C-alpha atoms as a PDB file:
ATOM      1  CA  MET A   1      23.049  10.890  36.135  1.00  0.00           C
ATOM      2  CA  LYS A   2      25.902  13.269  36.834  1.00  0.00           C
ATOM      3  CA  MET A   3      25.847  14.838  40.296  1.00  0.00           C
ATOM      4  CA  HIS A   4      27.992  17.527  41.838  1.00  0.00           C
ATOM      5  CA  PHE A   5      29.450  17.488  45.350  1.00  0.00           C
ATOM      6  CA  CYS A   6      31.191  20.457  46.897  1.00  0.00           C
ATOM      7  CA  ILE A   7      32.461  21.405  50.356  1.00  0.00           C
ATOM      8  CA  PRO A   8      32.452  25.200  50.381  1.00  0.00           C
ATOM      9  CA  VAL A   9      32.794  25.616  54.158  1.00  0.00           C
ATOM     10  CA  SER A  10      34.123  23.818  57.215  1.00  0.00           C
ATOM     11  CA  GLN A  11      33.986  24.599  60.931  1.00  0.00           C
ATOM     12  CA  GLN A  12      36.159  23.741  63.885  1.00  0.00           C
ATOM     13  CA  ARG A  13      34.249  22.204  66.795  1.00  0.00           C
ATOM     14  CA  PRO A  14      35.347  21.154  70.319  1.00  0.00           C
ATOM     15  CA  ASP A  15      35.233  17.429  71.035  1.00  0.00           C
ATOM     16  CA  ALA A  16      34.445  15.606  74.287  1.00  0.00           C
ATOM     17  CA  LEU A  17      38.139  15.193  75.181  1.00  0.00           C
ATOM     18  CA  GLY A  18      38.969  18.877  75.054  1.00  0.00           C
ATOM     19  CA  GLY A  19      40.420  18.780  71.566  1.00  0.00           C
ATOM     20  CA  ARG A  20      38.964  20.104  68.315  1.00  0.00           C
ATOM     21  CA  TYR A  21      37.754  18.560  65.104  1.00  0.00           C
ATOM     22  CA  VAL A  22      36.668  19.889  61.703  1.00  0.00           C
ATOM     23  CA  LEU A  23      33.065  19.526  60.524  1.00  0.00           C
ATOM     24  CA  TYR A  24      32.661  19.658  56.753  1.00  0.00           C
ATOM     25  CA  SER A  25      29.456  20.963  55.154  1.00  0.00           C
ATOM     26  CA  VAL A  26      28.826  18.798  52.085  1.00  0.00           C
ATOM     27  CA  TYR A  27      26.571  20.214  49.389  1.00  0.00           C
ATOM     28  CA  LEU A  28      24.974  18.108  46.665  1.00  0.00           C
ATOM     29  CA  ASP A  29      23.755  19.895  43.541  1.00  0.00           C
ATOM     30  CA  GLY A  30      23.699  23.220  45.360  1.00  0.00           C
ATOM     31  CA  PHE A  31      21.897  22.142  48.551  1.00  0.00           C
ATOM     32  CA  LEU A  32      23.255  21.180  51.945  1.00  0.00           C
ATOM     33  CA  PHE A  33      23.382  17.389  51.974  1.00  0.00           C
ATOM     34  CA  CYS A  34      25.122  16.612  55.258  1.00  0.00           C
ATOM     35  CA  LYS A  35      27.750  17.715  57.770  1.00  0.00           C
ATOM     36  CA  VAL A  36      30.421  15.154  58.436  1.00  0.00           C
ATOM     37  CA  ARG A  37      33.801  14.681  60.110  1.00  0.00           C
ATOM     38  CA  TYR A  38      36.966  13.458  58.440  1.00  0.00           C
ATOM     39  CA  SER A  39      37.040  10.443  60.782  1.00  0.00           C
ATOM     40  CA  GLN A  40      33.544   9.406  59.626  1.00  0.00           C
ATOM     41  CA  LEU A  41      34.540   9.612  55.983  1.00  0.00           C
ATOM     42  CA  HIS A  42      37.777   7.756  56.730  1.00  0.00           C
ATOM     43  CA  ARG A  43      35.904   4.833  58.339  1.00  0.00           C
ATOM     44  CA  TRP A  44      33.453   4.809  55.427  1.00  0.00           C
ATOM     45  CA  ASN A  45      36.340   4.669  52.964  1.00  0.00           C
ATOM     46  CA  GLU A  46      37.816   1.669  54.840  1.00  0.00           C
ATOM     47  CA  GLN A  47      34.448  -0.118  54.665  1.00  0.00           C
ATOM     48  CA  LEU A  48      34.161   0.592  50.948  1.00  0.00           C
ATOM     49  CA  ARG A  49      37.720  -0.591  50.373  1.00  0.00           C
ATOM     50  CA  ARG A  50      36.973  -3.946  51.993  1.00  0.00           C
ATOM     51  CA  VAL A  51      34.195  -4.432  49.447  1.00  0.00           C
ATOM     52  CA  PHE A  52      35.593  -2.797  46.310  1.00  0.00           C
ATOM     53  CA  GLY A  53      39.361  -2.997  46.867  1.00  0.00           C
ATOM     54  CA  ASN A  54      41.544  -0.792  44.714  1.00  0.00           C
ATOM     55  CA  CYS A  55      38.634   0.454  42.612  1.00  0.00           C
ATOM     56  CA  LEU A  56      38.252   3.349  45.041  1.00  0.00           C
ATOM     57  CA  PRO A  57      39.754   6.778  44.351  1.00  0.00           C
ATOM     58  CA  PRO A  58      42.578   7.883  46.686  1.00  0.00           C
ATOM     59  CA  PHE A  59      41.454   9.120  50.091  1.00  0.00           C
ATOM     60  CA  PRO A  60      43.120  12.152  51.752  1.00  0.00           C
ATOM     61  CA  PRO A  61      45.814  11.000  54.217  1.00  0.00           C
ATOM     62  CA  LYS A  62      45.694  11.505  57.963  1.00  0.00           C
ATOM     63  CA  TYR A  63      47.724  14.275  59.585  1.00  0.00           C
ATOM     64  CA  TYR A  64      49.160  13.487  63.006  1.00  0.00           C
ATOM     65  CA  LEU A  65      50.241  17.055  63.698  1.00  0.00           C
ATOM     66  CA  ALA A  66      48.183  20.238  63.707  1.00  0.00           C
ATOM     67  CA  MET A  67      47.176  21.333  60.215  1.00  0.00           C
ATOM     68  CA  THR A  68      48.071  24.711  58.819  1.00  0.00           C
ATOM     69  CA  ALA A  69      45.427  26.746  57.001  1.00  0.00           C
ATOM     70  CA  SER A  70      46.795  25.668  53.623  1.00  0.00           C
ATOM     71  CA  MET A  71      46.782  22.003  54.692  1.00  0.00           C
ATOM     72  CA  ALA A  72      43.169  22.329  55.843  1.00  0.00           C
ATOM     73  CA  ASP A  73      42.161  23.859  52.502  1.00  0.00           C
ATOM     74  CA  GLU A  74      43.990  21.107  50.640  1.00  0.00           C
ATOM     75  CA  ARG A  75      42.215  18.396  52.648  1.00  0.00           C
ATOM     76  CA  ARG A  76      38.824  19.992  52.000  1.00  0.00           C
ATOM     77  CA  ASP A  77      39.554  20.050  48.266  1.00  0.00           C
ATOM     78  CA  GLN A  78      40.702  16.417  48.369  1.00  0.00           C
ATOM     79  CA  LEU A  79      37.581  15.283  50.235  1.00  0.00           C
ATOM     80  CA  GLU A  80      35.425  17.106  47.725  1.00  0.00           C
ATOM     81  CA  GLN A  81      37.226  15.372  44.869  1.00  0.00           C
ATOM     82  CA  TYR A  82      36.942  12.009  46.630  1.00  0.00           C
ATOM     83  CA  LEU A  83      33.166  12.339  46.975  1.00  0.00           C
ATOM     84  CA  GLN A  84      32.879  13.406  43.364  1.00  0.00           C
ATOM     85  CA  ASN A  85      34.902  10.437  42.141  1.00  0.00           C
ATOM     86  CA  VAL A  86      33.460   7.759  44.415  1.00  0.00           C
ATOM     87  CA  THR A  87      29.968   8.417  43.034  1.00  0.00           C
ATOM     88  CA  MET A  88      31.105   7.735  39.462  1.00  0.00           C
ATOM     89  CA  ASP A  89      30.961   3.945  39.934  1.00  0.00           C
ATOM     90  CA  PRO A  90      27.352   2.676  39.482  1.00  0.00           C
ATOM     91  CA  ASN A  91      28.129  -0.548  41.366  1.00  0.00           C
ATOM     92  CA  MET A  92      29.275   1.453  44.361  1.00  0.00           C
ATOM     93  CA  LEU A  93      26.168   3.647  44.244  1.00  0.00           C
ATOM     94  CA  ARG A  94      23.970   0.564  44.625  1.00  0.00           C
ATOM     95  CA  SER A  95      25.938  -1.042  47.461  1.00  0.00           C
ATOM     96  CA  ASP A  96      24.545  -1.216  50.998  1.00  0.00           C
ATOM     97  CA  VAL A  97      27.754   0.117  52.568  1.00  0.00           C
ATOM     98  CA  PHE A  98      27.555   3.196  50.350  1.00  0.00           C
ATOM     99  CA  VAL A  99      23.845   3.923  50.791  1.00  0.00           C
ATOM    100  CA  ASP A 100      23.596   3.097  54.510  1.00  0.00           C
ATOM    101  CA  PHE A 101      26.333   5.559  55.450  1.00  0.00           C
ATOM    102  CA  LEU A 102      24.848   8.410  53.417  1.00  0.00           C
ATOM    103  CA  LYS A 103      21.396   7.747  54.865  1.00  0.00           C
ATOM    104  CA  LEU A 104      22.828   7.934  58.372  1.00  0.00           C
ATOM    105  CA  VAL A 105      24.714  11.208  57.899  1.00  0.00           C
ATOM    106  CA  GLN A 106      21.676  12.871  56.314  1.00  0.00           C
ATOM    107  CA  LEU A 107      19.484  11.906  59.270  1.00  0.00           C
ATOM    108  CA  ASP A 108      22.141  12.905  61.825  1.00  0.00           C
ATOM    109  CA  THR A 109      22.828  16.264  60.213  1.00  0.00           C
ATOM    110  CA  PHE A 110      19.218  17.385  60.494  1.00  0.00           C
ATOM    111  CA  SER A 111      18.476  15.554  63.774  1.00  0.00           C
ATOM    112  CA  ILE A 112      15.798  13.345  62.243  1.00  0.00           C
ATOM    113  CA  THR A 113      15.126   9.863  63.583  1.00  0.00           C
ATOM    114  CA  THR A 114      13.870   6.928  61.557  1.00  0.00           C
ATOM    115  CA  LYS A 115      10.092   6.705  61.940  1.00  0.00           C
ATOM    116  CA  LYS A 116       6.942   6.291  59.900  1.00  0.00           C
ATOM    117  CA  ALA A 117       5.760   9.389  58.048  1.00  0.00           C
ATOM    118  CA  SER A 118       3.428  10.590  55.298  1.00  0.00           C
ATOM    119  CA  LEU A 119       4.794  12.328  52.208  1.00  0.00           C
ATOM    120  CA  ASP A 120       2.893  14.173  49.481  1.00  0.00           C
ATOM    121  CA  ILE A 121       4.184  13.508  45.959  1.00  0.00           C
ATOM    122  CA  PHE A 122       2.927  15.991  43.363  1.00  0.00           C
ATOM    123  CA  LEU A 123       1.980  14.987  39.830  1.00  0.00           C
ATOM    124  CA  PRO A 124       2.448  17.318  36.840  1.00  0.00           C
ATOM    125  CA  ASP A 125      -1.279  18.124  36.752  1.00  0.00           C
ATOM    126  CA  GLY A 126      -1.116  19.594  40.264  1.00  0.00           C
ATOM    127  CA  ARG A 127      -2.674  16.676  42.123  1.00  0.00           C
ATOM    128  CA  SER A 128      -0.782  15.064  44.980  1.00  0.00           C
ATOM    129  CA  ILE A 129      -0.531  11.471  46.146  1.00  0.00           C
ATOM    130  CA  LYS A 130       0.028  10.753  49.824  1.00  0.00           C
ATOM    131  CA  VAL A 131       2.344   7.809  50.483  1.00  0.00           C
ATOM    132  CA  GLU A 132       3.332   6.175  53.743  1.00  0.00           C
ATOM    133  CA  ILE A 133       7.098   5.898  54.092  1.00  0.00           C
ATOM    134  CA  LEU A 134       9.937   5.879  56.588  1.00  0.00           C
ATOM    135  CA  THR A 135      11.884   9.090  57.128  1.00  0.00           C
ATOM    136  CA  SER A 136      14.990   7.065  56.179  1.00  0.00           C
ATOM    137  CA  ASP A 137      13.578   5.908  52.818  1.00  0.00           C
ATOM    138  CA  THR A 138      15.697   6.901  49.843  1.00  0.00           C
ATOM    139  CA  ALA A 139      14.354   8.578  46.706  1.00  0.00           C
ATOM    140  CA  GLU A 140      14.693   5.236  44.939  1.00  0.00           C
ATOM    141  CA  ARG A 141      12.531   3.528  47.575  1.00  0.00           C
ATOM    142  CA  VAL A 142       9.911   6.314  47.634  1.00  0.00           C
ATOM    143  CA  LEU A 143       9.675   6.160  43.837  1.00  0.00           C
ATOM    144  CA  GLU A 144       8.905   2.434  44.082  1.00  0.00           C
ATOM    145  CA  VAL A 145       6.139   3.128  46.625  1.00  0.00           C
ATOM    146  CA  VAL A 146       4.613   5.849  44.433  1.00  0.00           C
ATOM    147  CA  SER A 147       4.804   3.707  41.303  1.00  0.00           C
ATOM    148  CA  ARG A 148       2.848   0.882  42.925  1.00  0.00           C
ATOM    149  CA  LYS A 149       0.176   3.314  44.094  1.00  0.00           C
ATOM    150  CA  ILE A 150      -0.416   4.788  40.607  1.00  0.00           C
ATOM    151  CA  GLY A 151       0.115   1.553  38.647  1.00  0.00           C
ATOM    152  CA  LEU A 152       3.376   2.543  36.963  1.00  0.00           C
ATOM    153  CA  CYS A 153       5.157  -0.523  35.580  1.00  0.00           C
ATOM    154  CA  GLN A 154       8.220  -1.367  37.658  1.00  0.00           C
ATOM    155  CA  GLU A 155      10.430  -1.917  34.616  1.00  0.00           C
ATOM    156  CA  LEU A 156       9.841   1.722  33.614  1.00  0.00           C
ATOM    157  CA  LEU A 157      11.000   3.290  36.879  1.00  0.00           C
ATOM    158  CA  GLY A 158      14.335   4.262  35.326  1.00  0.00           C
ATOM    159  CA  TYR A 159      12.563   6.717  33.045  1.00  0.00           C
ATOM    160  CA  PHE A 160      11.068   8.676  35.944  1.00  0.00           C
ATOM    161  CA  GLY A 161      12.408  10.422  39.011  1.00  0.00           C
ATOM    162  CA  LEU A 162      11.520  12.525  42.029  1.00  0.00           C
ATOM    163  CA  PHE A 163      12.281  16.228  41.746  1.00  0.00           C
ATOM    164  CA  LEU A 164      12.592  19.041  44.232  1.00  0.00           C
ATOM    165  CA  ILE A 165      10.161  21.722  43.056  1.00  0.00           C
ATOM    166  CA  ARG A 166       9.647  25.217  44.410  1.00  0.00           C
ATOM    167  CA  SER A 167       6.213  26.804  44.269  1.00  0.00           C
ATOM    168  CA  TYR A 168       5.691  30.559  44.019  1.00  0.00           C
ATOM    169  CA  LYS A 169       2.733  32.880  44.241  1.00  0.00           C
ATOM    170  CA  GLU A 170       0.148  32.832  41.442  1.00  0.00           C
ATOM    171  CA  GLY A 171       0.780  29.142  40.754  1.00  0.00           C
ATOM    172  CA  LYS A 172       4.273  29.494  39.352  1.00  0.00           C
ATOM    173  CA  LEU A 173       6.636  26.553  39.760  1.00  0.00           C
ATOM    174  CA  SER A 174      10.354  25.982  39.313  1.00  0.00           C
ATOM    175  CA  VAL A 175      11.911  22.519  38.972  1.00  0.00           C
ATOM    176  CA  ILE A 176      15.071  22.872  41.061  1.00  0.00           C
ATOM    177  CA  LYS A 177      16.813  19.496  40.852  1.00  0.00           C
ATOM    178  CA  LYS A 178      16.357  15.762  40.518  1.00  0.00           C
ATOM    179  CA  LEU A 179      16.773  13.881  43.787  1.00  0.00           C
ATOM    180  CA  VAL A 180      19.481  11.258  43.358  1.00  0.00           C
ATOM    181  CA  ASP A 181      18.691   7.705  44.411  1.00  0.00           C
ATOM    182  CA  PHE A 182      20.400   7.886  47.820  1.00  0.00           C
ATOM    183  CA  GLU A 183      18.866  11.211  48.886  1.00  0.00           C
ATOM    184  CA  LEU A 184      16.121  11.068  51.494  1.00  0.00           C
ATOM    185  CA  PRO A 185      13.093  13.033  50.213  1.00  0.00           C
ATOM    186  CA  TYR A 186      11.635  13.523  53.689  1.00  0.00           C
ATOM    187  CA  VAL A 187      14.928  15.000  54.896  1.00  0.00           C
ATOM    188  CA  SER A 188      15.424  17.075  51.741  1.00  0.00           C
ATOM    189  CA  LEU A 189      12.106  18.845  52.277  1.00  0.00           C
ATOM    190  CA  ARG A 190      12.966  19.721  55.852  1.00  0.00           C
ATOM    191  CA  SER A 191      16.529  20.745  55.117  1.00  0.00           C
ATOM    192  CA  SER A 192      15.821  23.012  52.148  1.00  0.00           C
ATOM    193  CA  GLU A 193      17.120  26.501  52.731  1.00  0.00           C
ATOM    194  CA  VAL A 194      14.238  28.001  50.769  1.00  0.00           C
ATOM    195  CA  GLU A 195      10.569  27.707  51.720  1.00  0.00           C
ATOM    196  CA  ASN A 196       7.671  26.358  49.656  1.00  0.00           C
ATOM    197  CA  PHE A 197       9.362  23.235  48.353  1.00  0.00           C
ATOM    198  CA  GLN A 198       7.608  20.048  47.317  1.00  0.00           C
ATOM    199  CA  VAL A 199       8.565  16.705  45.793  1.00  0.00           C
ATOM    200  CA  GLY A 200       7.221  16.022  42.313  1.00  0.00           C
ATOM    201  CA  LEU A 201       7.160  13.007  40.009  1.00  0.00           C
ATOM    202  CA  ARG A 202       8.370  13.638  36.454  1.00  0.00           C
ATOM    203  CA  LYS A 203      10.065  11.859  33.594  1.00  0.00           C
ATOM    204  CA  TRP A 204      13.705  12.870  33.615  1.00  0.00           C
ATOM    205  CA  TYR A 205      15.136  11.895  30.211  1.00  0.00           C
ATOM    206  CA  LEU A 206      15.340  14.496  27.446  1.00  0.00           C
ATOM    207  CA  ASP A 207      15.419  12.233  24.387  1.00  0.00           C
ATOM    208  CA  PRO A 208      11.785  12.203  23.140  1.00  0.00           C
ATOM    209  CA  SER A 209      12.410   9.078  21.044  1.00  0.00           C
ATOM    210  CA  LEU A 210      12.302   7.140  24.337  1.00  0.00           C
ATOM    211  CA  ASP A 211       8.630   8.078  24.816  1.00  0.00           C
ATOM    212  CA  SER A 212       7.586   5.232  22.502  1.00  0.00           C
ATOM    213  CA  ARG A 213       8.987   2.657  24.936  1.00  0.00           C
ATOM    214  CA  LEU A 214       6.402   3.693  27.516  1.00  0.00           C
ATOM    215  CA  MET A 215       3.302   3.495  25.312  1.00  0.00           C
ATOM    216  CA  ASP A 216       2.153   0.108  26.658  1.00  0.00           C
ATOM    217  CA  CYS A 217       1.839   1.409  30.238  1.00  0.00           C
ATOM    218  CA  ARG A 218      -1.207   3.591  30.764  1.00  0.00           C
ATOM    219  CA  ALA A 219       0.169   5.212  33.925  1.00  0.00           C
ATOM    220  CA  ALA A 220       3.399   6.150  32.100  1.00  0.00           C
ATOM    221  CA  VAL A 221       1.447   7.636  29.181  1.00  0.00           C
ATOM    222  CA  ASP A 222      -0.699   9.632  31.598  1.00  0.00           C
ATOM    223  CA  LEU A 223       2.390  11.040  33.341  1.00  0.00           C
ATOM    224  CA  ILE A 224       4.126  12.042  30.120  1.00  0.00           C
ATOM    225  CA  TYR A 225       0.935  13.587  28.790  1.00  0.00           C
ATOM    226  CA  MET A 226       0.388  15.575  32.014  1.00  0.00           C
ATOM    227  CA  GLN A 227       4.006  16.732  31.987  1.00  0.00           C
ATOM    228  CA  ALA A 228       3.810  17.902  28.364  1.00  0.00           C
ATOM    229  CA  ILE A 229       0.657  19.892  29.152  1.00  0.00           C
ATOM    230  CA  GLN A 230       2.263  21.366  32.272  1.00  0.00           C
ATOM    231  CA  ASP A 231       5.413  22.334  30.378  1.00  0.00           C
ATOM    232  CA  ILE A 232       3.327  24.233  27.841  1.00  0.00           C
ATOM    233  CA  GLU A 233       1.017  25.862  30.406  1.00  0.00           C
ATOM    234  CA  LYS A 234       4.001  27.002  32.505  1.00  0.00           C
ATOM    235  CA  GLU A 235       5.727  28.182  29.296  1.00  0.00           C
ATOM    236  CA  TRP A 236       8.683  25.881  29.930  1.00  0.00           C
ATOM    237  CA  ALA A 237       8.018  24.693  26.375  1.00  0.00           C
ATOM    238  CA  LYS A 238       6.859  27.106  23.710  1.00  0.00           C
ATOM    239  CA  PRO A 239       5.195  25.426  20.714  1.00  0.00           C
ATOM    240  CA  THR A 240       4.137  27.398  17.686  1.00  0.00           C
ATOM    241  CA  GLU A 241       0.555  28.605  17.510  1.00  0.00           C
ATOM    242  CA  VAL A 242      -0.290  25.896  14.949  1.00  0.00           C
ATOM    243  CA  GLN A 243       1.127  23.198  17.229  1.00  0.00           C
ATOM    244  CA  ARG A 244      -0.740  24.603  20.229  1.00  0.00           C
ATOM    245  CA  GLN A 245      -4.045  24.605  18.318  1.00  0.00           C
ATOM    246  CA  LYS A 246      -3.552  20.974  17.287  1.00  0.00           C
ATOM    247  CA  LEU A 247      -2.819  19.940  20.855  1.00  0.00           C
ATOM    248  CA  GLU A 248      -5.839  21.815  22.211  1.00  0.00           C
ATOM    249  CA  ALA A 249      -8.077  20.209  19.574  1.00  0.00           C
ATOM    250  CA  LEU A 250      -6.859  16.747  20.531  1.00  0.00           C
ATOM    251  CA  GLN A 251      -7.415  17.508  24.211  1.00  0.00           C
ATOM    252  CA  LYS A 252     -11.052  18.415  23.488  1.00  0.00           C
ATOM    253  CA  GLU A 253     -11.496  15.132  21.619  1.00  0.00           C
ATOM    254  CA  ASP A 254     -10.112  13.286  24.644  1.00  0.00           C
ATOM    255  CA  ASN A 255      -7.765  11.485  22.277  1.00  0.00           C
ATOM    256  CA  GLN A 256      -4.908  11.064  24.699  1.00  0.00           C
ATOM    257  CA  THR A 257      -2.745   8.802  22.553  1.00  0.00           C
ATOM    258  CA  LYS A 258      -2.638  11.321  19.700  1.00  0.00           C
ATOM    259  CA  ALA A 259      -2.059  14.178  22.147  1.00  0.00           C
ATOM    260  CA  PHE A 260       0.757  12.153  23.660  1.00  0.00           C
ATOM    261  CA  LEU A 261       2.334  11.697  20.233  1.00  0.00           C
ATOM    262  CA  LEU A 262       2.021  15.389  19.436  1.00  0.00           C
ATOM    263  CA  SER A 263       3.513  16.402  22.784  1.00  0.00           C
ATOM    264  CA  SER A 264       6.376  14.006  22.069  1.00  0.00           C
ATOM    265  CA  CYS A 265       6.952  15.809  18.780  1.00  0.00           C
ATOM    266  CA  LEU A 266       7.008  19.150  20.568  1.00  0.00           C
ATOM    267  CA  LYS A 267       9.521  17.772  23.043  1.00  0.00           C
ATOM    268  CA  LYS A 268      11.726  16.604  20.197  1.00  0.00           C
ATOM    269  CA  MET A 269      11.689  20.016  18.580  1.00  0.00           C
ATOM    270  CA  ILE A 270      12.443  21.670  21.911  1.00  0.00           C
ATOM    271  CA  SER A 271      15.350  19.314  22.612  1.00  0.00           C
ATOM    272  CA  GLU A 272      16.733  19.950  19.120  1.00  0.00           C
ATOM    273  CA  LYS A 273      16.618  23.662  19.851  1.00  0.00           C
ATOM    274  CA  MET A 274      18.637  22.980  22.997  1.00  0.00           C
ATOM    275  CA  VAL A 275      21.178  20.978  20.976  1.00  0.00           C
ATOM    276  CA  LYS A 276      21.524  23.910  18.600  1.00  0.00           C
ATOM    277  CA  GLN A 277      22.051  26.271  21.522  1.00  0.00           C
ATOM    278  CA  ALA A 278      24.550  23.884  23.112  1.00  0.00           C
ATOM    279  CA  ALA A 279      26.538  23.756  19.876  1.00  0.00           C
ATOM    280  CA  GLU A 280      26.672  27.533  19.776  1.00  0.00           C
ATOM    281  CA  ASN A 281      27.333  28.068  23.518  1.00  0.00           C
ATOM    282  CA  PRO A 282      30.325  26.270  25.068  1.00  0.00           C
ATOM    283  CA  GLU A 283      28.984  26.887  28.588  1.00  0.00           C
ATOM    284  CA  MET A 284      26.119  24.470  27.817  1.00  0.00           C
ATOM    285  CA  LYS A 285      28.512  21.614  27.023  1.00  0.00           C
ATOM    286  CA  ASP A 286      27.770  19.542  30.140  1.00  0.00           C
ATOM    287  CA  TYR A 287      24.031  19.922  29.736  1.00  0.00           C
ATOM    288  CA  SER A 288      24.158  18.858  26.096  1.00  0.00           C
ATOM    289  CA  SER A 289      25.485  15.430  27.097  1.00  0.00           C
ATOM    290  CA  PHE A 290      21.919  14.482  28.123  1.00  0.00           C
ATOM    291  CA  LEU A 291      20.538  15.309  24.663  1.00  0.00           C
ATOM    292  CA  PRO A 292      20.106  12.903  21.752  1.00  0.00           C
ATOM    293  CA  ARG A 293      22.404  14.678  19.285  1.00  0.00           C
ATOM    294  CA  LYS A 294      25.333  17.063  19.642  1.00  0.00           C
ATOM    295  CA  SER A 295      25.785  18.214  16.057  1.00  0.00           C
ATOM    296  CA  LYS A 296      24.623  21.668  15.014  1.00  0.00           C
ATOM    297  CA  ILE A 297      21.107  21.466  13.601  1.00  0.00           C
ATOM    298  CA  LYS A 298      19.931  23.744  10.830  1.00  0.00           C
ATOM    299  CA  THR A 299      16.427  22.344  10.350  1.00  0.00           C
ATOM    300  CA  ALA A 300      14.243  19.819  12.074  1.00  0.00           C
ATOM    301  CA  GLU A 301      11.369  17.840  10.652  1.00  0.00           C
ATOM    302  CA  VAL A 302       9.525  15.575  13.031  1.00  0.00           C
ATOM    303  CA  ASP A 303       7.299  12.796  11.719  1.00  0.00           C
ATOM    304  CA  CYS A 304       4.901  12.261  14.608  1.00  0.00           C
ATOM    305  CA  GLY A 305       2.163  10.221  13.027  1.00  0.00           C
ATOM    306  CA  LEU A 306      -0.005  13.320  12.594  1.00  0.00           C
ATOM    307  CA  GLY A 307       1.859  14.630   9.583  1.00  0.00           C
ATOM    308  CA  THR A 308       5.303  16.190   9.450  1.00  0.00           C
ATOM    309  CA  ILE A 309       5.715  19.320  11.595  1.00  0.00           C
ATOM    310  CA  LYS A 310       8.479  21.615  10.415  1.00  0.00           C
ATOM    311  CA  GLU A 311      10.588  23.581  12.814  1.00  0.00           C
ATOM    312  CA  GLU A 312       9.291  27.098  13.230  1.00  0.00           C
ATOM    313  CA  GLY A 313      10.852  29.856  15.267  1.00  0.00           C
ATOM    314  CA  LEU A 314      13.365  27.692  17.111  1.00  0.00           C
END
C-alpha cells in the first residue's frame, strides 16, 4: 500500500554540549508520526546499508560547517525523499532493523514506554473487542491478536487492516486512514491531533471480485457483510432503491450468504463508478490505481448469483 511521508517543519534545539541540533517532525499520511534527529536517521541508514547494501536510496550527506537556510531546506527535502523511497521496498519494510527503529522513535516522540495495555478494536457493526497488547505492538501484530480472538483465518489477514476512525456526534463516523504495518496503534490513538478517534477493523481492498476468496471463512464473511451494511447505513455507498429493498429482504430472512453476495455486487458497482470518475478526473489518478479497472466505463452489469443488476444512476 502506498504511503506518504512528509517533513513540513523542523526545529532547532540545544544539545547537552552547548551546541544545537535540528529536530525533524515526520508526518505519515497527514498525521505526526515521529520527531527525529538527522544523526538518528544517519545511524539507521548505516544499519540498513549493512543488511541491504546498495539497494538503499541515497542518504543526505553530512555537513561539517554551519548550514545556511537554503542548505537546511534542501536537507529536509532530501530526508523526506529518502523516507518516501526507503519504504518502497517490501523486503525492507519487513526487516527487523527497519521496524525496530520506527517503533522506537514513535515511542520516544510521545514519551510512551513499552508496557502491557488494553486496546478496543471496533467492528463495522459498532461492537468493540478488547485485546491485550503491548504499547510497542505494531498494527500488523495487533491485527494478528484480533484475528485470533474473532476466528479470522490467518491466511486472510492481508485482506483486512486496522483503520484510524473518527467518531462525531449523532453516530457519524469518518474513516481517516489505514494504519500501516509498522505504526503503533496504541501510540497513534494518543498522538492524534483530533479527539474522538478509535481503531477499527475493516477490509481494505477495493476490488469486489476478491470477496469470493473469503467465502470459506465465516469470520471473514461476517466482517465483509457488516462492513457492507455499515457503508450503506452511513451513506458511504448509495445503492438504488431496488438494490436496497433486496438487501433488506435478505437481511430479514437471515440469509447472510445471499446478502453477502448482493453487497459484493453493490461494491462492484460502486467501485466501477469510482473508475469512471477517475477516468474523467486526472486528480483521482493515484486513487484509481487501487481499483480493478482503469478504462472508462459506460455501462456495468453485475452477475451476482441473484440475477443481473444493471447500473442505475451511477
